[in-house]
């Protein structure tokens, strides 16, 4: 049905290991103030709204 090709949009060549940059990237994605945490907070606040007119009743 689909053909999966493990291919990047542009070629990437890694010369050296940079643990400091890797830690920064991981923190931005999955840390306390990262993108994943922000998305989960945004999605979960729909059930905790104080106004009954805007609370989600069904998904």
PDB file of N, CA and C in Angstrom:
ATOM      1  N   UNK A   1       0.810  -1.184   0.000  1.00  0.00           N
ATOM      2  CA  UNK A   1       0.000   0.000   0.000  1.00  0.00           C
ATOM      3  C   UNK A   1       0.865   1.264   0.000  1.00  0.00           C
ATOM      4  N   UNK A   2       1.818   1.360   0.953  1.00  0.00           N
ATOM      5  CA  UNK A   2       2.748   2.480   0.991  1.00  0.00           C
ATOM      6  C   UNK A   2       4.164   1.958   0.887  1.00  0.00           C
ATOM      7  N   UNK A   3       5.012   2.770   0.319  1.00  0.00           N
ATOM      8  CA  UNK A   3       6.435   2.446   0.266  1.00  0.00           C
ATOM      9  C   UNK A   3       7.154   3.400   1.207  1.00  0.00           C
ATOM     10  N   UNK A   4       7.831   2.854   2.196  1.00  0.00           N
ATOM     11  CA  UNK A   4       8.549   3.673   3.171  1.00  0.00           C
ATOM     12  C   UNK A   4      10.018   3.745   2.794  1.00  0.00           C
ATOM     13  N   UNK A   5      10.518   4.950   2.627  1.00  0.00           N
ATOM     14  CA  UNK A   5      11.937   5.152   2.358  1.00  0.00           C
ATOM     15  C   UNK A   5      12.527   5.946   3.513  1.00  0.00           C
ATOM     16  N   UNK A   6      13.510   5.384   4.176  1.00  0.00           N
ATOM     17  CA  UNK A   6      14.153   6.072   5.291  1.00  0.00           C
ATOM     18  C   UNK A   6      15.130   7.093   4.708  1.00  0.00           C
ATOM     19  N   UNK A   7      14.616   8.290   4.450  1.00  0.00           N
ATOM     20  CA  UNK A   7      15.385   9.296   3.753  1.00  0.00           C
ATOM     21  C   UNK A   7      15.065  10.668   4.342  1.00  0.00           C
ATOM     22  N   UNK A   8      16.088  11.468   4.615  1.00  0.00           N
ATOM     23  CA  UNK A   8      15.884  12.809   5.149  1.00  0.00           C
ATOM     24  C   UNK A   8      15.586  13.798   4.028  1.00  0.00           C
ATOM     25  N   UNK A   9      15.036  14.964   4.390  1.00  0.00           N
ATOM     26  CA  UNK A   9      14.738  15.980   3.390  1.00  0.00           C
ATOM     27  C   UNK A   9      16.009  16.524   2.754  1.00  0.00           C
ATOM     28  N   UNK A  10      17.044  16.628   3.553  1.00  0.00           N
ATOM     29  CA  UNK A  10      18.330  17.083   3.038  1.00  0.00           C
ATOM     30  C   UNK A  10      19.425  16.241   3.681  1.00  0.00           C
ATOM     31  N   UNK A  11      20.544  16.076   3.015  1.00  0.00           N
ATOM     32  CA  UNK A  11      21.599  15.219   3.568  1.00  0.00           C
ATOM     33  C   UNK A  11      22.217  15.807   4.839  1.00  0.00           C
ATOM     34  N   UNK A  12      22.447  14.955   5.815  1.00  0.00           N
ATOM     35  CA  UNK A  12      23.040  15.361   7.088  1.00  0.00           C
ATOM     36  C   UNK A  12      24.295  14.538   7.309  1.00  0.00           C
ATOM     37  N   UNK A  13      25.369  15.220   7.668  1.00  0.00           N
ATOM     38  CA  UNK A  13      26.611  14.528   7.967  1.00  0.00           C
ATOM     39  C   UNK A  13      27.054  14.917   9.367  1.00  0.00           C
ATOM     40  N   UNK A  14      27.216  13.959  10.237  1.00  0.00           N
ATOM     41  CA  UNK A  14      27.632  14.207  11.614  1.00  0.00           C
ATOM     42  C   UNK A  14      29.111  13.881  11.722  1.00  0.00           C
ATOM     43  N   UNK A  15      29.905  14.891  12.094  1.00  0.00           N
ATOM     44  CA  UNK A  15      31.350  14.692  12.221  1.00  0.00           C
ATOM     45  C   UNK A  15      31.751  14.300  13.640  1.00  0.00           C
ATOM     46  N   UNK A  16      31.201  15.001  14.618  1.00  0.00           N
ATOM     47  CA  UNK A  16      31.580  14.744  16.009  1.00  0.00           C
ATOM     48  C   UNK A  16      30.339  14.622  16.876  1.00  0.00           C
ATOM     49  N   UNK A  17      30.531  14.050  18.034  1.00  0.00           N
ATOM     50  CA  UNK A  17      29.455  13.913  19.013  1.00  0.00           C
ATOM     51  C   UNK A  17      29.397  15.190  19.850  1.00  0.00           C
ATOM     52  N   UNK A  18      28.206  15.741  20.041  1.00  0.00           N
ATOM     53  CA  UNK A  18      28.042  16.952  20.835  1.00  0.00           C
ATOM     54  C   UNK A  18      26.980  16.694  21.898  1.00  0.00           C
ATOM     55  N   UNK A  19      27.375  16.166  23.063  1.00  0.00           N
ATOM     56  CA  UNK A  19      26.397  15.821  24.090  1.00  0.00           C
ATOM     57  C   UNK A  19      25.635  17.022  24.640  1.00  0.00           C
ATOM     58  N   UNK A  20      26.256  18.191  24.657  1.00  0.00           N
ATOM     59  CA  UNK A  20      25.583  19.386  25.175  1.00  0.00           C
ATOM     60  C   UNK A  20      24.406  19.777  24.267  1.00  0.00           C
ATOM     61  N   UNK A  21      24.633  19.735  22.964  1.00  0.00           N
ATOM     62  CA  UNK A  21      23.567  20.042  22.013  1.00  0.00           C
ATOM     63  C   UNK A  21      22.474  18.975  22.053  1.00  0.00           C
ATOM     64  N   UNK A  22      22.864  17.720  22.182  1.00  0.00           N
ATOM     65  CA  UNK A  22      21.884  16.637  22.272  1.00  0.00           C
ATOM     66  C   UNK A  22      20.997  16.807  23.502  1.00  0.00           C
ATOM     67  N   UNK A  23      21.587  17.189  24.625  1.00  0.00           N
ATOM     68  CA  UNK A  23      20.814  17.417  25.853  1.00  0.00           C
ATOM     69  C   UNK A  23      19.842  18.581  25.675  1.00  0.00           C
ATOM     70  N   UNK A  24      20.289  19.640  25.007  1.00  0.00           N
ATOM     71  CA  UNK A  24      19.428  20.790  24.757  1.00  0.00           C
ATOM     72  C   UNK A  24      18.238  20.412  23.873  1.00  0.00           C
ATOM     73  N   UNK A  25      18.493  19.640  22.832  1.00  0.00           N
ATOM     74  CA  UNK A  25      17.413  19.218  21.931  1.00  0.00           C
ATOM     75  C   UNK A  25      16.415  18.326  22.664  1.00  0.00           C
ATOM     76  N   UNK A  26      16.913  17.395  23.472  1.00  0.00           N
ATOM     77  CA  UNK A  26      16.015  16.526  24.239  1.00  0.00           C
ATOM     78  C   UNK A  26      15.185  17.316  25.241  1.00  0.00           C
ATOM     79  N   UNK A  27      15.790  18.314  25.874  1.00  0.00           N
ATOM     80  CA  UNK A  27      15.067  19.138  26.845  1.00  0.00           C
ATOM     81  C   UNK A  27      13.973  19.949  26.159  1.00  0.00           C
ATOM     82  N   UNK A  28      14.246  20.483  24.984  1.00  0.00           N
ATOM     83  CA  UNK A  28      13.253  21.270  24.265  1.00  0.00           C
ATOM     84  C   UNK A  28      12.083  20.416  23.791  1.00  0.00           C
ATOM     85  N   UNK A  29      12.344  19.181  23.446  1.00  0.00           N
ATOM     86  CA  UNK A  29      11.267  18.323  22.954  1.00  0.00           C
ATOM     87  C   UNK A  29      10.469  17.704  24.093  1.00  0.00           C
ATOM     88  N   UNK A  30      11.147  17.078  25.043  1.00  0.00           N
ATOM     89  CA  UNK A  30      10.427  16.317  26.045  1.00  0.00           C
ATOM     90  C   UNK A  30      10.603  16.784  27.465  1.00  0.00           C
ATOM     91  N   UNK A  31      11.225  17.932  27.687  1.00  0.00           N
ATOM     92  CA  UNK A  31      11.455  18.420  29.042  1.00  0.00           C
ATOM     93  C   UNK A  31      10.208  19.047  29.644  1.00  0.00           C
ATOM     94  N   UNK A  32      10.393  19.658  30.799  1.00  0.00           N
ATOM     95  CA  UNK A  32       9.268  20.259  31.520  1.00  0.00           C
ATOM     96  C   UNK A  32       8.620  21.393  30.731  1.00  0.00           C
ATOM     97  N   UNK A  33       9.398  22.153  30.005  1.00  0.00           N
ATOM     98  CA  UNK A  33       8.865  23.257  29.197  1.00  0.00           C
ATOM     99  C   UNK A  33       8.998  22.976  27.708  1.00  0.00           C
ATOM    100  N   UNK A  34       9.016  21.725  27.340  1.00  0.00           N
ATOM    101  CA  UNK A  34       9.219  21.351  25.943  1.00  0.00           C
ATOM    102  C   UNK A  34       7.930  21.308  25.148  1.00  0.00           C
ATOM    103  N   UNK A  35       8.078  21.001  23.874  1.00  0.00           N
ATOM    104  CA  UNK A  35       6.942  20.959  22.956  1.00  0.00           C
ATOM    105  C   UNK A  35       5.935  19.871  23.326  1.00  0.00           C
ATOM    106  N   UNK A  36       6.424  18.705  23.697  1.00  0.00           N
ATOM    107  CA  UNK A  36       5.530  17.603  24.037  1.00  0.00           C
ATOM    108  C   UNK A  36       4.704  17.931  25.280  1.00  0.00           C
ATOM    109  N   UNK A  37       5.350  18.499  26.292  1.00  0.00           N
ATOM    110  CA  UNK A  37       4.635  18.867  27.521  1.00  0.00           C
ATOM    111  C   UNK A  37       3.599  19.947  27.250  1.00  0.00           C
ATOM    112  N   UNK A  38       3.956  20.928  26.429  1.00  0.00           N
ATOM    113  CA  UNK A  38       3.014  21.999  26.106  1.00  0.00           C
ATOM    114  C   UNK A  38       1.801  21.448  25.360  1.00  0.00           C
ATOM    115  N   UNK A  39       2.030  20.540  24.442  1.00  0.00           N
ATOM    116  CA  UNK A  39       0.918  19.945  23.701  1.00  0.00           C
ATOM    117  C   UNK A  39      -0.012  19.142  24.586  1.00  0.00           C
ATOM    118  N   UNK A  40       0.560  18.378  25.503  1.00  0.00           N
ATOM    119  CA  UNK A  40      -0.257  17.575  26.418  1.00  0.00           C
ATOM    120  C   UNK A  40      -1.050  18.471  27.362  1.00  0.00           C
ATOM    121  N   UNK A  41      -0.430  19.553  27.855  1.00  0.00           N
ATOM    122  CA  UNK A  41      -1.156  20.495  28.716  1.00  0.00           C
ATOM    123  C   UNK A  41      -2.308  21.132  27.952  1.00  0.00           C
ATOM    124  N   UNK A  42      -2.071  21.492  26.714  1.00  0.00           N
ATOM    125  CA  UNK A  42      -3.105  22.117  25.902  1.00  0.00           C
ATOM    126  C   UNK A  42      -4.283  21.167  25.687  1.00  0.00           C
ATOM    127  N   UNK A  43      -3.990  19.899  25.399  1.00  0.00           N
ATOM    128  CA  UNK A  43      -5.062  18.943  25.158  1.00  0.00           C
ATOM    129  C   UNK A  43      -5.809  18.567  26.430  1.00  0.00           C
ATOM    130  N   UNK A  44      -5.112  18.539  27.568  1.00  0.00           N
ATOM    131  CA  UNK A  44      -5.771  18.113  28.801  1.00  0.00           C
ATOM    132  C   UNK A  44      -6.570  19.227  29.461  1.00  0.00           C
ATOM    133  N   UNK A  45      -6.353  20.478  29.111  1.00  0.00           N
ATOM    134  CA  UNK A  45      -7.085  21.554  29.770  1.00  0.00           C
ATOM    135  C   UNK A  45      -8.544  21.623  29.327  1.00  0.00           C
ATOM    136  N   UNK A  46      -8.882  20.942  28.253  1.00  0.00           N
ATOM    137  CA  UNK A  46     -10.262  20.982  27.782  1.00  0.00           C
ATOM    138  C   UNK A  46     -11.227  20.328  28.766  1.00  0.00           C
ATOM    139  N   UNK A  47     -10.753  19.404  29.605  1.00  0.00           N
ATOM    140  CA  UNK A  47     -11.627  18.758  30.584  1.00  0.00           C
ATOM    141  C   UNK A  47     -11.625  19.483  31.925  1.00  0.00           C
ATOM    142  N   UNK A  48     -10.801  20.491  32.083  1.00  0.00           N
ATOM    143  CA  UNK A  48     -10.707  21.190  33.361  1.00  0.00           C
ATOM    144  C   UNK A  48     -11.181  22.638  33.252  1.00  0.00           C
ATOM    145  N   UNK A  49     -11.956  22.964  32.250  1.00  0.00           N
ATOM    146  CA  UNK A  49     -12.415  24.341  32.068  1.00  0.00           C
ATOM    147  C   UNK A  49     -13.435  24.689  33.147  1.00  0.00           C
ATOM    148  N   UNK A  50     -13.358  25.889  33.724  1.00  0.00           N
ATOM    149  CA  UNK A  50     -14.280  26.269  34.796  1.00  0.00           C
ATOM    150  C   UNK A  50     -15.693  26.595  34.305  1.00  0.00           C
ATOM    151  N   UNK A  51     -15.850  26.943  33.047  1.00  0.00           N
ATOM    152  CA  UNK A  51     -17.157  27.317  32.515  1.00  0.00           C
ATOM    153  C   UNK A  51     -17.833  26.098  31.900  1.00  0.00           C
ATOM    154  N   UNK A  52     -19.026  25.728  32.358  1.00  0.00           N
ATOM    155  CA  UNK A  52     -19.691  24.524  31.845  1.00  0.00           C
ATOM    156  C   UNK A  52     -20.012  24.590  30.346  1.00  0.00           C
ATOM    157  N   UNK A  53     -20.183  25.777  29.792  1.00  0.00           N
ATOM    158  CA  UNK A  53     -20.540  25.894  28.377  1.00  0.00           C
ATOM    159  C   UNK A  53     -19.393  25.489  27.452  1.00  0.00           C
ATOM    160  N   UNK A  54     -18.163  25.541  27.946  1.00  0.00           N
ATOM    161  CA  UNK A  54     -17.024  25.244  27.076  1.00  0.00           C
ATOM    162  C   UNK A  54     -16.359  23.914  27.380  1.00  0.00           C
ATOM    163  N   UNK A  55     -16.832  23.195  28.388  1.00  0.00           N
ATOM    164  CA  UNK A  55     -16.251  21.891  28.715  1.00  0.00           C
ATOM    165  C   UNK A  55     -16.647  20.896  27.636  1.00  0.00           C
ATOM    166  N   UNK A  56     -15.710  20.076  27.230  1.00  0.00           N
ATOM    167  CA  UNK A  56     -15.981  19.063  26.214  1.00  0.00           C
ATOM    168  C   UNK A  56     -16.785  17.937  26.843  1.00  0.00           C
ATOM    169  N   UNK A  57     -17.904  17.586  26.223  1.00  0.00           N
ATOM    170  CA  UNK A  57     -18.720  16.503  26.762  1.00  0.00           C
ATOM    171  C   UNK A  57     -18.436  15.188  26.058  1.00  0.00           C
ATOM    172  N   UNK A  58     -18.008  15.256  24.827  1.00  0.00           N
ATOM    173  CA  UNK A  58     -17.634  14.037  24.111  1.00  0.00           C
ATOM    174  C   UNK A  58     -16.463  14.352  23.208  1.00  0.00           C
ATOM    175  N   UNK A  59     -15.693  13.342  22.913  1.00  0.00           N
ATOM    176  CA  UNK A  59     -14.497  13.556  22.107  1.00  0.00           C
ATOM    177  C   UNK A  59     -14.769  13.304  20.668  1.00  0.00           C
TER     178      UNK A  59
END
